[in-house]
Amino acid sequence: MLRLIIHRITAFVLAFTALFISSCSFFGSGGDPLEVLRAEVISIVHDEARAEAMVADVDKLDQLLQESAELLGEVARRERALFADYDSTPQDFETLFLERLRKRRALQEAMLDVHLEFKDKATAEEWEAILPIHANAIAARVNSLVNAAIDERG
């Protein structure tokens, strides 16, 4: 059971490390990457109603990313508490990991739904222009959230 716990912790850390390393973006260290995405959507999508709806989707996605970061912090705090508690059992860890998994899946599904709604609002030409900006903005936001989580733990 302890081996399973160690394996899950290792997999979790490696997944976020890989995400952190792979999330290079062209935004540099300044500015809010999702503000750049919002501005680009308004610039590229000439139909004002669709542009506003797409910007609202960016806002929803940003909120979901924030919730994901909060979940990561919450799990890290609870995990530290379990490690510090001599009476913690493998079941306590299992419960924590299962709860995290359930919440993470719900957030992932919500993010996918918002992403698909965002994409469905764009024409093929708009989507082709927005996709690289969208991907880089999300990667940069995740990068900044992971850095903030690392700083918080430090």
N, C-alpha and C. Protein backbone atom coordinates (compact mmCIF):
# COMPACT_ATOMS: atom_id res chain seq x y z
N MET A 1 0.83 -1.19 0.00
CA MET A 1 0.00 0.00 0.00
C MET A 1 0.87 1.26 0.00
N LEU A 2 1.94 1.24 0.78
CA LEU A 2 2.85 2.38 0.81
C LEU A 2 3.49 2.60 -0.55
N ARG A 3 3.80 1.52 -1.24
CA ARG A 3 4.37 1.61 -2.58
C ARG A 3 3.40 2.30 -3.53
N LEU A 4 2.11 1.98 -3.41
CA LEU A 4 1.08 2.61 -4.24
C LEU A 4 1.02 4.11 -3.95
N ILE A 5 1.09 4.48 -2.69
CA ILE A 5 1.05 5.89 -2.31
C ILE A 5 2.25 6.62 -2.90
N ILE A 6 3.42 6.05 -2.75
CA ILE A 6 4.63 6.67 -3.28
C ILE A 6 4.55 6.79 -4.80
N HIS A 7 4.03 5.74 -5.45
CA HIS A 7 3.87 5.77 -6.90
C HIS A 7 2.94 6.90 -7.32
N ARG A 8 1.84 7.07 -6.62
CA ARG A 8 0.87 8.12 -6.98
C ARG A 8 1.45 9.51 -6.74
N ILE A 9 2.15 9.68 -5.65
CA ILE A 9 2.77 10.97 -5.39
C ILE A 9 3.80 11.28 -6.47
N THR A 10 4.61 10.29 -6.80
CA THR A 10 5.62 10.47 -7.84
C THR A 10 4.98 10.81 -9.18
N ALA A 11 3.93 10.09 -9.55
CA ALA A 11 3.25 10.35 -10.82
C ALA A 11 2.67 11.76 -10.85
N PHE A 12 2.09 12.18 -9.74
CA PHE A 12 1.51 13.52 -9.64
C PHE A 12 2.58 14.59 -9.81
N VAL A 13 3.69 14.44 -9.10
CA VAL A 13 4.78 15.42 -9.19
C VAL A 13 5.38 15.43 -10.59
N LEU A 14 5.58 14.26 -11.18
CA LEU A 14 6.15 14.20 -12.53
C LEU A 14 5.22 14.84 -13.56
N ALA A 15 3.93 14.63 -13.41
CA ALA A 15 2.97 15.21 -14.36
C ALA A 15 3.04 16.74 -14.32
N PHE A 16 3.07 17.30 -13.13
CA PHE A 16 3.14 18.75 -13.03
C PHE A 16 4.51 19.28 -13.43
N THR A 17 5.56 18.53 -13.18
CA THR A 17 6.89 18.95 -13.62
C THR A 17 6.96 18.97 -15.14
N ALA A 18 6.43 17.93 -15.77
CA ALA A 18 6.42 17.88 -17.24
C ALA A 18 5.61 19.04 -17.81
N LEU A 19 4.48 19.31 -17.20
CA LEU A 19 3.64 20.42 -17.65
C LEU A 19 4.41 21.74 -17.50
N PHE A 20 5.09 21.88 -16.39
CA PHE A 20 5.87 23.09 -16.13
C PHE A 20 6.97 23.27 -17.16
N ILE A 21 7.72 22.23 -17.42
CA ILE A 21 8.85 22.30 -18.35
C ILE A 21 8.36 22.53 -19.78
N SER A 22 7.26 21.89 -20.14
CA SER A 22 6.79 21.99 -21.52
C SER A 22 6.01 23.26 -21.81
N SER A 23 5.73 24.05 -20.80
CA SER A 23 4.85 25.20 -21.02
C SER A 23 5.64 26.46 -21.35
N CYS A 24 6.46 26.37 -22.35
CA CYS A 24 7.18 27.55 -22.83
C CYS A 24 6.20 28.39 -23.64
N SER A 25 6.28 29.68 -23.50
CA SER A 25 5.38 30.52 -24.28
C SER A 25 6.11 31.74 -24.81
N PHE A 26 5.46 32.41 -25.74
CA PHE A 26 6.06 33.58 -26.32
C PHE A 26 5.66 34.85 -25.59
N PHE A 27 4.99 34.72 -24.45
CA PHE A 27 4.51 35.88 -23.73
C PHE A 27 5.57 36.54 -22.87
N GLY A 28 6.65 35.83 -22.57
CA GLY A 28 7.69 36.39 -21.72
C GLY A 28 7.22 36.50 -20.29
N SER A 29 7.91 37.29 -19.52
CA SER A 29 7.60 37.36 -18.10
C SER A 29 6.56 38.43 -17.77
N GLY A 30 6.24 39.30 -18.70
CA GLY A 30 5.32 40.37 -18.40
C GLY A 30 3.94 40.11 -18.97
N GLY A 31 2.96 40.77 -18.38
CA GLY A 31 1.62 40.73 -18.91
C GLY A 31 0.86 39.46 -18.57
N ASP A 32 -0.44 39.59 -18.67
CA ASP A 32 -1.33 38.47 -18.41
C ASP A 32 -1.60 37.76 -19.74
N PRO A 33 -1.19 36.49 -19.85
CA PRO A 33 -1.37 35.79 -21.13
C PRO A 33 -2.83 35.68 -21.56
N LEU A 34 -3.74 35.58 -20.61
CA LEU A 34 -5.15 35.48 -21.01
C LEU A 34 -5.70 36.84 -21.43
N GLU A 35 -5.10 37.94 -20.94
CA GLU A 35 -5.48 39.26 -21.45
C GLU A 35 -5.06 39.39 -22.90
N VAL A 36 -3.88 38.86 -23.22
CA VAL A 36 -3.42 38.85 -24.60
C VAL A 36 -4.39 38.06 -25.46
N LEU A 37 -4.81 36.89 -24.97
CA LEU A 37 -5.77 36.07 -25.71
C LEU A 37 -7.09 36.81 -25.90
N ARG A 38 -7.58 37.44 -24.83
CA ARG A 38 -8.84 38.20 -24.95
C ARG A 38 -8.71 39.29 -26.03
N ALA A 39 -7.61 40.02 -25.99
CA ALA A 39 -7.40 41.10 -26.98
C ALA A 39 -7.32 40.54 -28.39
N GLU A 40 -6.64 39.42 -28.55
CA GLU A 40 -6.52 38.81 -29.87
C GLU A 40 -7.86 38.30 -30.38
N VAL A 41 -8.67 37.74 -29.49
CA VAL A 41 -10.01 37.28 -29.90
C VAL A 41 -10.81 38.47 -30.41
N ILE A 42 -10.77 39.57 -29.68
CA ILE A 42 -11.52 40.76 -30.10
C ILE A 42 -10.99 41.29 -31.43
N SER A 43 -9.68 41.19 -31.63
CA SER A 43 -9.06 41.65 -32.87
C SER A 43 -9.38 40.75 -34.05
N ILE A 44 -9.40 39.44 -33.83
CA ILE A 44 -9.57 38.47 -34.92
C ILE A 44 -11.04 38.24 -35.26
N VAL A 45 -11.90 38.17 -34.25
CA VAL A 45 -13.32 37.87 -34.47
C VAL A 45 -14.05 39.20 -34.65
N HIS A 46 -14.52 39.44 -35.87
CA HIS A 46 -15.12 40.72 -36.20
C HIS A 46 -16.59 40.81 -35.80
N ASP A 47 -17.22 39.70 -35.53
CA ASP A 47 -18.60 39.69 -35.04
C ASP A 47 -18.53 39.95 -33.53
N GLU A 48 -19.00 41.13 -33.13
CA GLU A 48 -18.86 41.56 -31.73
C GLU A 48 -19.53 40.60 -30.74
N ALA A 49 -20.70 40.10 -31.07
CA ALA A 49 -21.41 39.20 -30.16
C ALA A 49 -20.62 37.90 -29.96
N ARG A 50 -20.10 37.34 -31.05
CA ARG A 50 -19.31 36.10 -30.93
C ARG A 50 -18.01 36.37 -30.19
N ALA A 51 -17.39 37.49 -30.45
CA ALA A 51 -16.13 37.83 -29.76
C ALA A 51 -16.37 37.95 -28.25
N GLU A 52 -17.45 38.62 -27.87
CA GLU A 52 -17.77 38.76 -26.44
C GLU A 52 -18.05 37.40 -25.81
N ALA A 53 -18.76 36.54 -26.53
CA ALA A 53 -19.05 35.20 -26.01
C ALA A 53 -17.76 34.39 -25.85
N MET A 54 -16.85 34.55 -26.78
CA MET A 54 -15.57 33.82 -26.71
C MET A 54 -14.72 34.36 -25.56
N VAL A 55 -14.74 35.66 -25.34
CA VAL A 55 -14.01 36.25 -24.22
C VAL A 55 -14.60 35.74 -22.90
N ALA A 56 -15.93 35.59 -22.85
CA ALA A 56 -16.56 35.03 -21.66
C ALA A 56 -16.09 33.59 -21.42
N ASP A 57 -15.88 32.84 -22.51
CA ASP A 57 -15.35 31.48 -22.37
C ASP A 57 -13.92 31.50 -21.83
N VAL A 58 -13.13 32.47 -22.27
CA VAL A 58 -11.76 32.61 -21.74
C VAL A 58 -11.83 32.88 -20.24
N ASP A 59 -12.77 33.71 -19.82
CA ASP A 59 -12.94 33.99 -18.40
C ASP A 59 -13.31 32.73 -17.63
N LYS A 60 -14.22 31.91 -18.20
CA LYS A 60 -14.60 30.65 -17.56
C LYS A 60 -13.39 29.72 -17.44
N LEU A 61 -12.63 29.64 -18.50
CA LEU A 61 -11.44 28.78 -18.50
C LEU A 61 -10.44 29.26 -17.46
N ASP A 62 -10.25 30.56 -17.37
CA ASP A 62 -9.34 31.12 -16.37
C ASP A 62 -9.81 30.74 -14.96
N GLN A 63 -11.09 30.83 -14.72
CA GLN A 63 -11.63 30.46 -13.40
C GLN A 63 -11.38 28.98 -13.11
N LEU A 64 -11.56 28.13 -14.09
CA LEU A 64 -11.32 26.70 -13.90
C LEU A 64 -9.84 26.41 -13.64
N LEU A 65 -8.97 27.14 -14.31
CA LEU A 65 -7.53 26.98 -14.07
C LEU A 65 -7.18 27.42 -12.65
N GLN A 66 -7.80 28.50 -12.20
CA GLN A 66 -7.59 28.95 -10.81
C GLN A 66 -8.06 27.89 -9.82
N GLU A 67 -9.22 27.30 -10.10
CA GLU A 67 -9.74 26.24 -9.22
C GLU A 67 -8.80 25.04 -9.20
N SER A 68 -8.20 24.72 -10.34
CA SER A 68 -7.25 23.62 -10.41
C SER A 68 -6.02 23.91 -9.55
N ALA A 69 -5.54 25.14 -9.61
CA ALA A 69 -4.39 25.53 -8.79
C ALA A 69 -4.74 25.47 -7.31
N GLU A 70 -5.94 25.91 -6.97
CA GLU A 70 -6.38 25.85 -5.58
C GLU A 70 -6.47 24.40 -5.10
N LEU A 71 -6.94 23.53 -5.98
CA LEU A 71 -7.01 22.11 -5.64
C LEU A 71 -5.62 21.55 -5.37
N LEU A 72 -4.67 21.90 -6.20
CA LEU A 72 -3.29 21.45 -6.01
C LEU A 72 -2.76 21.91 -4.66
N GLY A 73 -2.99 23.17 -4.32
CA GLY A 73 -2.55 23.69 -3.03
C GLY A 73 -3.23 23.01 -1.86
N GLU A 74 -4.54 22.79 -1.99
CA GLU A 74 -5.30 22.12 -0.93
C GLU A 74 -4.79 20.70 -0.70
N VAL A 75 -4.56 19.98 -1.78
CA VAL A 75 -4.07 18.60 -1.66
C VAL A 75 -2.68 18.60 -1.03
N ALA A 76 -1.82 19.54 -1.42
CA ALA A 76 -0.47 19.61 -0.85
C ALA A 76 -0.53 19.87 0.65
N ARG A 77 -1.41 20.78 1.08
CA ARG A 77 -1.55 21.06 2.52
C ARG A 77 -2.06 19.85 3.28
N ARG A 78 -3.08 19.21 2.73
CA ARG A 78 -3.64 18.04 3.41
C ARG A 78 -2.64 16.89 3.42
N GLU A 79 -1.89 16.75 2.35
CA GLU A 79 -0.87 15.70 2.27
C GLU A 79 0.21 15.92 3.33
N ARG A 80 0.69 17.16 3.46
CA ARG A 80 1.69 17.48 4.49
C ARG A 80 1.15 17.16 5.88
N ALA A 81 -0.12 17.49 6.10
CA ALA A 81 -0.72 17.21 7.41
C ALA A 81 -0.77 15.70 7.67
N LEU A 82 -1.09 14.93 6.64
CA LEU A 82 -1.13 13.48 6.81
C LEU A 82 0.27 12.92 7.09
N PHE A 83 1.27 13.43 6.38
CA PHE A 83 2.64 12.97 6.62
C PHE A 83 3.11 13.33 8.03
N ALA A 84 2.65 14.47 8.53
CA ALA A 84 3.07 14.92 9.86
C ALA A 84 2.33 14.18 10.98
N ASP A 85 1.18 13.61 10.67
CA ASP A 85 0.37 12.92 11.67
C ASP A 85 0.81 11.46 11.77
N TYR A 86 1.36 11.12 12.91
CA TYR A 86 1.87 9.77 13.13
C TYR A 86 0.76 8.71 12.98
N ASP A 87 -0.46 9.09 13.28
CA ASP A 87 -1.57 8.13 13.24
C ASP A 87 -2.24 8.01 11.87
N SER A 88 -1.70 8.70 10.85
CA SER A 88 -2.27 8.59 9.50
C SER A 88 -2.13 7.17 9.00
N THR A 89 -3.16 6.74 8.28
CA THR A 89 -3.17 5.39 7.74
C THR A 89 -3.09 5.45 6.22
N PRO A 90 -2.74 4.36 5.59
CA PRO A 90 -2.77 4.33 4.13
C PRO A 90 -4.16 4.70 3.59
N GLN A 91 -5.20 4.33 4.31
CA GLN A 91 -6.57 4.66 3.88
C GLN A 91 -6.78 6.17 3.86
N ASP A 92 -6.16 6.89 4.80
CA ASP A 92 -6.27 8.35 4.80
C ASP A 92 -5.69 8.93 3.51
N PHE A 93 -4.54 8.42 3.10
CA PHE A 93 -3.92 8.87 1.86
C PHE A 93 -4.77 8.47 0.66
N GLU A 94 -5.26 7.24 0.67
CA GLU A 94 -6.09 6.74 -0.42
C GLU A 94 -7.32 7.62 -0.59
N THR A 95 -7.94 8.00 0.52
CA THR A 95 -9.12 8.87 0.48
C THR A 95 -8.77 10.22 -0.12
N LEU A 96 -7.64 10.79 0.30
CA LEU A 96 -7.20 12.06 -0.23
C LEU A 96 -6.98 11.98 -1.74
N PHE A 97 -6.29 10.93 -2.18
CA PHE A 97 -5.97 10.81 -3.61
C PHE A 97 -7.22 10.55 -4.44
N LEU A 98 -8.15 9.77 -3.93
CA LEU A 98 -9.38 9.51 -4.67
C LEU A 98 -10.23 10.78 -4.78
N GLU A 99 -10.28 11.55 -3.72
CA GLU A 99 -11.02 12.80 -3.74
C GLU A 99 -10.38 13.77 -4.74
N ARG A 100 -9.04 13.85 -4.72
CA ARG A 100 -8.33 14.72 -5.67
C ARG A 100 -8.61 14.28 -7.10
N LEU A 101 -8.57 12.99 -7.33
CA LEU A 101 -8.82 12.46 -8.67
C LEU A 101 -10.22 12.82 -9.14
N ARG A 102 -11.20 12.67 -8.27
CA ARG A 102 -12.59 12.99 -8.63
C ARG A 102 -12.73 14.47 -8.97
N LYS A 103 -12.16 15.33 -8.14
CA LYS A 103 -12.25 16.77 -8.38
C LYS A 103 -11.49 17.17 -9.64
N ARG A 104 -10.31 16.56 -9.83
CA ARG A 104 -9.51 16.89 -11.02
C ARG A 104 -10.24 16.49 -12.29
N ARG A 105 -10.86 15.32 -12.28
CA ARG A 105 -11.61 14.89 -13.47
C ARG A 105 -12.77 15.81 -13.76
N ALA A 106 -13.47 16.25 -12.72
CA ALA A 106 -14.58 17.17 -12.93
C ALA A 106 -14.08 18.49 -13.53
N LEU A 107 -12.96 18.99 -13.02
CA LEU A 107 -12.39 20.22 -13.57
C LEU A 107 -11.93 20.02 -15.01
N GLN A 108 -11.31 18.88 -15.31
CA GLN A 108 -10.87 18.60 -16.67
C GLN A 108 -12.05 18.55 -17.64
N GLU A 109 -13.12 17.90 -17.23
CA GLU A 109 -14.31 17.82 -18.08
C GLU A 109 -14.90 19.20 -18.32
N ALA A 110 -14.94 20.01 -17.27
CA ALA A 110 -15.47 21.37 -17.41
C ALA A 110 -14.58 22.19 -18.34
N MET A 111 -13.25 22.04 -18.22
CA MET A 111 -12.32 22.76 -19.10
C MET A 111 -12.51 22.33 -20.55
N LEU A 112 -12.67 21.04 -20.79
CA LEU A 112 -12.89 20.56 -22.14
C LEU A 112 -14.18 21.12 -22.71
N ASP A 113 -15.25 21.13 -21.91
CA ASP A 113 -16.53 21.69 -22.37
C ASP A 113 -16.38 23.16 -22.77
N VAL A 114 -15.69 23.94 -21.92
CA VAL A 114 -15.51 25.36 -22.22
C VAL A 114 -14.65 25.53 -23.48
N HIS A 115 -13.60 24.73 -23.58
CA HIS A 115 -12.74 24.80 -24.77
C HIS A 115 -13.53 24.51 -26.04
N LEU A 116 -14.37 23.48 -26.00
CA LEU A 116 -15.16 23.12 -27.18
C LEU A 116 -16.20 24.19 -27.50
N GLU A 117 -16.79 24.79 -26.46
CA GLU A 117 -17.73 25.89 -26.70
C GLU A 117 -17.01 27.07 -27.35
N PHE A 118 -15.81 27.37 -26.86
CA PHE A 118 -15.00 28.44 -27.41
C PHE A 118 -14.72 28.18 -28.88
N LYS A 119 -14.27 26.97 -29.18
CA LYS A 119 -13.93 26.60 -30.55
C LYS A 119 -15.16 26.65 -31.47
N ASP A 120 -16.29 26.17 -30.97
CA ASP A 120 -17.50 26.14 -31.79
C ASP A 120 -17.98 27.54 -32.19
N LYS A 121 -17.61 28.55 -31.42
CA LYS A 121 -18.04 29.91 -31.72
C LYS A 121 -17.20 30.54 -32.83
N ALA A 122 -16.04 29.97 -33.09
CA ALA A 122 -15.13 30.54 -34.09
C ALA A 122 -15.36 29.90 -35.45
N THR A 123 -15.11 30.69 -36.51
CA THR A 123 -15.08 30.11 -37.85
C THR A 123 -13.77 29.34 -37.99
N ALA A 124 -13.65 28.57 -39.04
CA ALA A 124 -12.41 27.80 -39.27
C ALA A 124 -11.21 28.73 -39.39
N GLU A 125 -11.37 29.84 -40.11
CA GLU A 125 -10.26 30.79 -40.29
C GLU A 125 -9.89 31.45 -38.96
N GLU A 126 -10.91 31.84 -38.21
CA GLU A 126 -10.65 32.46 -36.90
C GLU A 126 -9.94 31.48 -35.98
N TRP A 127 -10.42 30.24 -35.97
CA TRP A 127 -9.84 29.23 -35.10
C TRP A 127 -8.37 28.99 -35.46
N GLU A 128 -8.07 28.95 -36.74
CA GLU A 128 -6.69 28.74 -37.17
C GLU A 128 -5.79 29.87 -36.66
N ALA A 129 -6.30 31.10 -36.65
CA ALA A 129 -5.51 32.23 -36.16
C ALA A 129 -5.43 32.25 -34.64
N ILE A 130 -6.50 31.85 -33.97
CA ILE A 130 -6.56 31.92 -32.51
C ILE A 130 -5.87 30.74 -31.82
N LEU A 131 -5.87 29.57 -32.43
CA LEU A 131 -5.37 28.36 -31.77
C LEU A 131 -3.97 28.50 -31.18
N PRO A 132 -2.97 28.99 -31.92
CA PRO A 132 -1.64 29.08 -31.30
C PRO A 132 -1.61 30.06 -30.12
N ILE A 133 -2.36 31.14 -30.24
CA ILE A 133 -2.42 32.12 -29.15
C ILE A 133 -3.11 31.50 -27.94
N HIS A 134 -4.19 30.78 -28.20
CA HIS A 134 -4.95 30.09 -27.16
C HIS A 134 -4.05 29.07 -26.44
N ALA A 135 -3.37 28.24 -27.20
CA ALA A 135 -2.52 27.20 -26.61
C ALA A 135 -1.40 27.82 -25.77
N ASN A 136 -0.76 28.86 -26.30
CA ASN A 136 0.32 29.50 -25.56
C ASN A 136 -0.19 30.22 -24.32
N ALA A 137 -1.36 30.83 -24.40
CA ALA A 137 -1.93 31.53 -23.24
C ALA A 137 -2.24 30.54 -22.12
N ILE A 138 -2.83 29.41 -22.48
CA ILE A 138 -3.16 28.40 -21.47
C ILE A 138 -1.88 27.85 -20.85
N ALA A 139 -0.89 27.55 -21.69
CA ALA A 139 0.38 27.03 -21.18
C ALA A 139 1.05 28.05 -20.25
N ALA A 140 1.02 29.32 -20.63
CA ALA A 140 1.63 30.35 -19.79
C ALA A 140 0.89 30.50 -18.47
N ARG A 141 -0.45 30.43 -18.52
CA ARG A 141 -1.24 30.55 -17.27
C ARG A 141 -0.95 29.37 -16.35
N VAL A 142 -0.92 28.18 -16.91
CA VAL A 142 -0.61 27.00 -16.10
C VAL A 142 0.79 27.13 -15.51
N ASN A 143 1.74 27.59 -16.32
CA ASN A 143 3.10 27.79 -15.86
C ASN A 143 3.13 28.74 -14.66
N SER A 144 2.42 29.86 -14.76
CA SER A 144 2.42 30.83 -13.66
C SER A 144 1.73 30.26 -12.42
N LEU A 145 0.68 29.48 -12.60
CA LEU A 145 0.00 28.88 -11.46
C LEU A 145 0.88 27.83 -10.78
N VAL A 146 1.59 27.05 -11.58
CA VAL A 146 2.49 26.04 -11.01
C VAL A 146 3.63 26.74 -10.26
N ASN A 147 4.18 27.81 -10.85
CA ASN A 147 5.23 28.56 -10.16
C ASN A 147 4.73 29.13 -8.85
N ALA A 148 3.52 29.64 -8.85
CA ALA A 148 2.95 30.19 -7.61
C ALA A 148 2.78 29.09 -6.56
N ALA A 149 2.35 27.90 -7.00
CA ALA A 149 2.19 26.78 -6.08
C ALA A 149 3.54 26.35 -5.51
N ILE A 150 4.57 26.34 -6.36
CA ILE A 150 5.91 25.98 -5.91
C ILE A 150 6.42 27.02 -4.90
N ASP A 151 6.20 28.30 -5.19
CA ASP A 151 6.63 29.36 -4.28
C ASP A 151 5.91 29.25 -2.93
N GLU A 152 4.61 28.90 -2.98
CA GLU A 152 3.83 28.75 -1.76
C GLU A 152 4.37 27.61 -0.89
N ARG A 153 4.77 26.54 -1.54
CA ARG A 153 5.30 25.37 -0.81
C ARG A 153 6.67 25.65 -0.23
N GLY A 154 7.45 26.53 -0.94
CA GLY A 154 8.84 26.78 -0.59
C GLY A 154 9.01 27.29 0.79
